Every structure is written in C-alpha cells, then in structure tokens.
Amino acid sequence: MSSSPLQHHNDKDAPESVHQSTIGDANETVLETRSGKSVDNPSTDHHAQEPADTPASSSLKPRWWENKSLEEKPTDGIYGWAVVVSGCLMLMFSMGCVNSYGAYQTYYHLNQFPDEPVSSLAWIGTLQFAAMSLFGIVAGVMCERLDTRLVSFSGGLIMGLSLVIASFCDGAVWKLILTQGIVFSIGAALVFIPAMSVPTQ
C-alpha cells in the first residue's frame, strides 16, 4: 500500500514541530524561573528526588545499646553453674583471706607477738593487698597464655604452702611478712584473676 505525498510532507515536518515545541517549553521554564515563579517540573528539581531524613527512617537505625552480641544466652547447665560456684569458692579463699586479715592481726598481737607494735603487724595485711594487685597483672597474662585451670590450681598450692610455712613462724614478724604477706598474695592473685574472668565468659 503506497503512502500519499501529503503524508510524507507531514512526516518531515513532525520532528521540526516537536523540536520547536521543546525549545518553547524550555524558554518558558527559563522565563518563569527568572521571574520568580515556581516551576513544577520534576526533571529540573533535583532536590525533590532525594530522600529526606525523616524521624521514621532514623528510628530504624540500631542504637548503640541494642547490640545483638549481648543477647546471646549464657552457657547453662551443670557445667556452667559449677564454674560459677567454683569462682565463688576461689574468691572466698583468695580475697576473703586478704580482707579478713584483721582477725589474724588480733590473734598475732594477743598471743604470738604481744611485744610487737601493731604497726609492724599491719605490714602483713598491707603487703597482701599491694602484692596481690601488682602480681594480678602477671596473672592476667598467664591466664591468656596458659590454661586457667592450671593457673588457679598453682595459685591454690602456693596459698596453702605459704600458710603452712607461716604456721611455723613464731620467732619474728618478718617471716610472716614474707610468707603470709608476699608469697600468699602471689598465690591469691593466681586464684583471684581466673575467678573473676572465667564466669563472665
């Protein structure tokens, strides 16, 4: 089917008319923008396409206290509770003995060393806190590199051995300072650090 000459003439003029109408719309947009009128053209308004930071979108972000790792359930069962009870007993034998030195000091002053000043006997309890705190740094490194059971077991042996040796120190206070004041504190640090760190893991 052949097309008429009039149809060919309209097809040639169609691109020119579309081009002229596009130029006319652009000129009207420029004139309206210069005159201060608002132009409702989505192609020229780039800021309208950007998503706004609304309170609803910001509320979907997780807060710093909403950490998923904190929601993990701890280890339950007999083994988990056995670790907790063991930690309590280890704290009782290590920090409990250090905190209760006042009872030892009263007994030493009334029975074994009545002629010694109380200030000399107080050095035993003072060195217990100091040596336990200082050696706690070494005990923490040992817990990271070695088995915590081995560290706590060796600390328990040192504590027991120091108290046994201290029971034979009847002649001088400096022997109690070395045994119960320093050696016992080293063992107490080896017991105290695993007792504080293992149940939290």
Protein backbone atom coordinates (compact mmCIF):
# COMPACT_ATOMS: atom_id res chain seq x y z
CA MET A 1 0.00 0.00 0.00
CA SER A 2 1.57 3.28 -1.12
CA SER A 3 1.54 6.40 1.01
CA SER A 4 0.36 9.76 -0.28
CA PRO A 5 2.65 12.79 -0.79
CA LEU A 6 0.72 14.65 1.90
CA GLN A 7 1.62 12.00 4.47
CA HIS A 8 5.34 12.26 3.54
CA HIS A 9 5.13 16.00 3.98
CA ASN A 10 3.61 15.64 7.47
CA ASP A 11 6.30 13.10 8.49
CA LYS A 12 9.08 15.50 7.53
CA ASP A 13 7.54 18.40 9.41
CA ALA A 14 6.83 16.36 12.58
CA PRO A 15 10.40 16.33 14.05
CA GLU A 16 10.76 20.05 13.44
CA SER A 17 7.48 20.79 15.22
CA VAL A 18 8.46 18.60 18.19
CA HIS A 19 11.85 20.29 18.33
CA GLN A 20 10.27 23.74 18.24
CA SER A 21 7.78 22.84 21.00
CA THR A 22 10.62 21.52 23.18
CA ILE A 23 12.59 24.74 22.73
CA GLY A 24 9.49 26.73 23.52
CA ASP A 25 8.89 24.82 26.76
CA ALA A 26 12.50 25.35 27.79
CA ASN A 27 12.26 29.06 27.12
CA GLU A 28 9.08 29.29 29.16
CA THR A 29 10.79 27.44 32.02
CA VAL A 30 13.74 29.86 31.96
CA LEU A 31 11.44 32.89 31.85
CA GLU A 32 9.30 31.62 34.71
CA THR A 33 12.39 30.85 36.79
CA ARG A 34 13.84 34.33 36.21
CA SER A 35 10.55 35.99 37.01
CA GLY A 36 10.37 34.26 40.41
CA LYS A 37 7.53 31.89 39.70
CA SER A 38 7.69 28.30 40.90
CA VAL A 39 8.22 25.71 38.24
CA ASP A 40 6.55 22.36 38.85
CA ASN A 41 8.87 20.37 36.63
CA PRO A 42 10.21 17.17 38.16
CA SER A 43 13.08 16.99 35.66
CA THR A 44 14.57 20.31 36.78
CA ASP A 45 14.01 19.87 40.56
CA HIS A 46 16.89 17.64 41.64
CA HIS A 47 16.34 18.10 45.38
CA ALA A 48 12.81 16.72 45.24
CA GLN A 49 14.10 13.28 44.27
CA GLU A 50 16.50 12.98 47.25
CA PRO A 51 15.10 11.02 50.20
CA ALA A 52 14.60 13.13 53.29
CA ASP A 53 15.99 12.03 56.64
CA THR A 54 12.72 11.63 58.43
CA PRO A 55 12.41 10.61 62.08
CA ALA A 56 10.80 7.35 60.98
CA SER A 57 13.82 6.36 58.89
CA SER A 58 16.27 7.36 61.62
CA SER A 59 14.33 5.36 64.17
CA LEU A 60 15.02 2.18 62.19
CA LYS A 61 18.75 2.50 62.82
CA PRO A 62 20.01 0.32 65.71
CA ARG A 63 21.02 2.15 68.85
CA TRP A 64 24.39 1.68 70.48
CA TRP A 65 22.84 -0.23 73.37
CA GLU A 66 20.95 -2.59 71.04
CA ASN A 67 23.90 -4.88 70.44
CA LYS A 68 22.97 -8.29 69.11
CA SER A 69 26.00 -9.94 70.68
CA LEU A 70 24.71 -9.05 74.14
CA GLU A 71 21.53 -11.01 73.52
CA GLU A 72 23.35 -14.33 73.31
CA LYS A 73 22.29 -16.74 76.00
CA PRO A 74 24.98 -17.76 78.53
CA THR A 75 26.09 -21.33 78.97
CA ASP A 76 23.59 -23.03 81.26
CA GLY A 77 23.57 -26.48 82.70
CA ILE A 78 25.54 -28.23 85.40
CA TYR A 79 28.95 -27.26 83.99
CA GLY A 80 28.11 -23.57 83.80
CA TRP A 81 26.82 -23.43 87.36
CA ALA A 82 29.81 -25.47 88.55
CA VAL A 83 32.11 -22.79 87.13
CA VAL A 84 30.16 -20.08 88.96
CA VAL A 85 30.26 -21.96 92.29
CA SER A 86 33.97 -22.64 91.83
CA GLY A 87 34.56 -18.95 91.21
CA CYS A 88 32.74 -18.07 94.44
CA LEU A 89 34.86 -20.52 96.41
CA MET A 90 38.05 -19.21 94.82
CA LEU A 91 37.09 -15.64 95.75
CA MET A 92 36.37 -16.77 99.31
CA PHE A 93 39.81 -18.36 99.72
CA SER A 94 41.78 -15.58 97.97
CA MET A 95 40.15 -12.21 98.55
CA GLY A 96 38.31 -13.43 101.65
CA CYS A 97 41.54 -14.29 103.45
CA VAL A 98 43.09 -10.98 102.45
CA ASN A 99 40.10 -8.95 103.64
CA SER A 100 39.89 -10.84 106.93
CA TYR A 101 43.47 -10.13 107.97
CA GLY A 102 42.14 -8.09 110.89
CA ALA A 103 41.27 -11.34 112.67
CA TYR A 104 44.81 -12.62 112.08
CA GLN A 105 46.31 -9.38 113.35
CA THR A 106 44.27 -9.51 116.57
CA TYR A 107 45.38 -13.09 117.22
CA TYR A 108 49.03 -12.30 116.49
CA HIS A 109 49.04 -9.30 118.80
CA LEU A 110 47.31 -11.07 121.70
CA ASN A 111 49.05 -14.45 121.54
CA GLN A 112 52.17 -14.77 119.44
CA PHE A 113 53.66 -11.25 119.33
CA PRO A 114 52.38 -9.29 122.32
CA ASP A 115 55.54 -7.16 122.49
CA GLU A 116 55.48 -6.16 118.83
CA PRO A 117 53.76 -2.90 117.85
CA VAL A 118 50.56 -3.11 115.88
CA SER A 119 52.10 -1.07 113.06
CA SER A 120 54.64 -3.84 112.43
CA LEU A 121 51.91 -6.47 112.23
CA ALA A 122 49.87 -4.23 109.93
CA TRP A 123 52.57 -4.52 107.27
CA ILE A 124 51.46 -8.10 106.63
CA GLY A 125 47.97 -7.07 105.56
CA THR A 126 49.26 -4.04 103.66
CA LEU A 127 51.66 -6.15 101.61
CA GLN A 128 48.91 -8.65 100.90
CA PHE A 129 46.82 -6.03 99.06
CA ALA A 130 49.85 -4.48 97.35
CA ALA A 131 51.45 -7.73 96.15
CA MET A 132 48.12 -9.17 95.06
CA SER A 133 47.34 -6.09 92.96
CA LEU A 134 50.80 -5.95 91.38
CA PHE A 135 51.04 -9.64 90.60
CA GLY A 136 47.49 -9.58 89.22
CA ILE A 137 48.95 -8.11 86.00
CA VAL A 138 51.21 -11.14 85.61
CA ALA A 139 48.34 -13.44 86.48
CA GLY A 140 46.21 -11.90 83.74
CA VAL A 141 48.94 -12.52 81.15
CA MET A 142 49.30 -16.11 82.38
CA CYS A 143 45.54 -16.67 82.01
CA GLU A 144 45.73 -15.54 78.38
CA ARG A 145 48.69 -17.75 77.52
CA LEU A 146 48.03 -20.78 79.72
CA ASP A 147 45.07 -22.80 80.85
CA THR A 148 43.10 -21.01 83.58
CA ARG A 149 42.66 -24.27 85.46
CA LEU A 150 46.41 -24.71 85.65
CA VAL A 151 46.88 -21.10 86.80
CA SER A 152 44.25 -21.34 89.53
CA PHE A 153 45.49 -24.75 90.68
CA SER A 154 49.06 -23.50 91.01
CA GLY A 155 47.79 -20.45 92.90
CA GLY A 156 45.90 -22.65 95.33
CA LEU A 157 49.04 -24.68 96.01
CA ILE A 158 51.08 -21.54 96.66
CA MET A 159 48.43 -20.20 99.04
CA GLY A 160 48.25 -23.41 101.04
CA LEU A 161 52.01 -23.84 101.17
CA SER A 162 52.54 -20.26 102.36
CA LEU A 163 50.04 -20.64 105.21
CA VAL A 164 51.62 -23.93 106.29
CA ILE A 165 55.07 -22.31 106.41
CA ALA A 166 53.62 -19.27 108.22
CA SER A 167 52.34 -21.52 110.99
CA PHE A 168 55.95 -22.30 111.94
CA CYS A 169 57.00 -18.64 112.07
CA ASP A 170 56.83 -17.94 115.80
CA GLY A 171 60.04 -16.02 116.34
CA ALA A 172 59.94 -12.95 114.08
CA VAL A 173 57.38 -10.84 112.29
CA TRP A 174 59.44 -10.53 109.12
CA LYS A 175 58.91 -14.25 108.48
CA LEU A 176 55.15 -13.69 108.43
CA ILE A 177 55.67 -10.69 106.15
CA LEU A 178 57.47 -12.92 103.65
CA THR A 179 55.17 -15.93 103.86
CA GLN A 180 51.68 -14.61 104.58
CA GLY A 181 52.31 -11.12 103.24
CA ILE A 182 54.05 -11.75 99.90
CA VAL A 183 54.02 -15.45 98.99
CA PHE A 184 50.36 -15.86 99.90
CA SER A 185 49.46 -12.79 97.82
CA ILE A 186 51.14 -14.23 94.74
CA GLY A 187 49.03 -17.36 95.00
CA ALA A 188 45.93 -15.30 95.76
CA ALA A 189 46.43 -13.29 92.57
CA LEU A 190 46.68 -16.51 90.54
CA VAL A 191 43.35 -17.60 92.02
CA PHE A 192 41.55 -14.24 92.03
CA ILE A 193 42.05 -13.32 88.36
CA PRO A 194 40.60 -16.59 86.91
CA ALA A 195 37.74 -16.43 89.42
CA MET A 196 36.78 -13.00 88.10
CA SER A 197 37.27 -13.60 84.39
CA VAL A 198 36.10 -17.17 83.71
CA PRO A 199 32.45 -16.93 84.92
CA THR A 200 31.85 -13.86 82.73
CA GLN A 201 32.92 -15.77 79.63
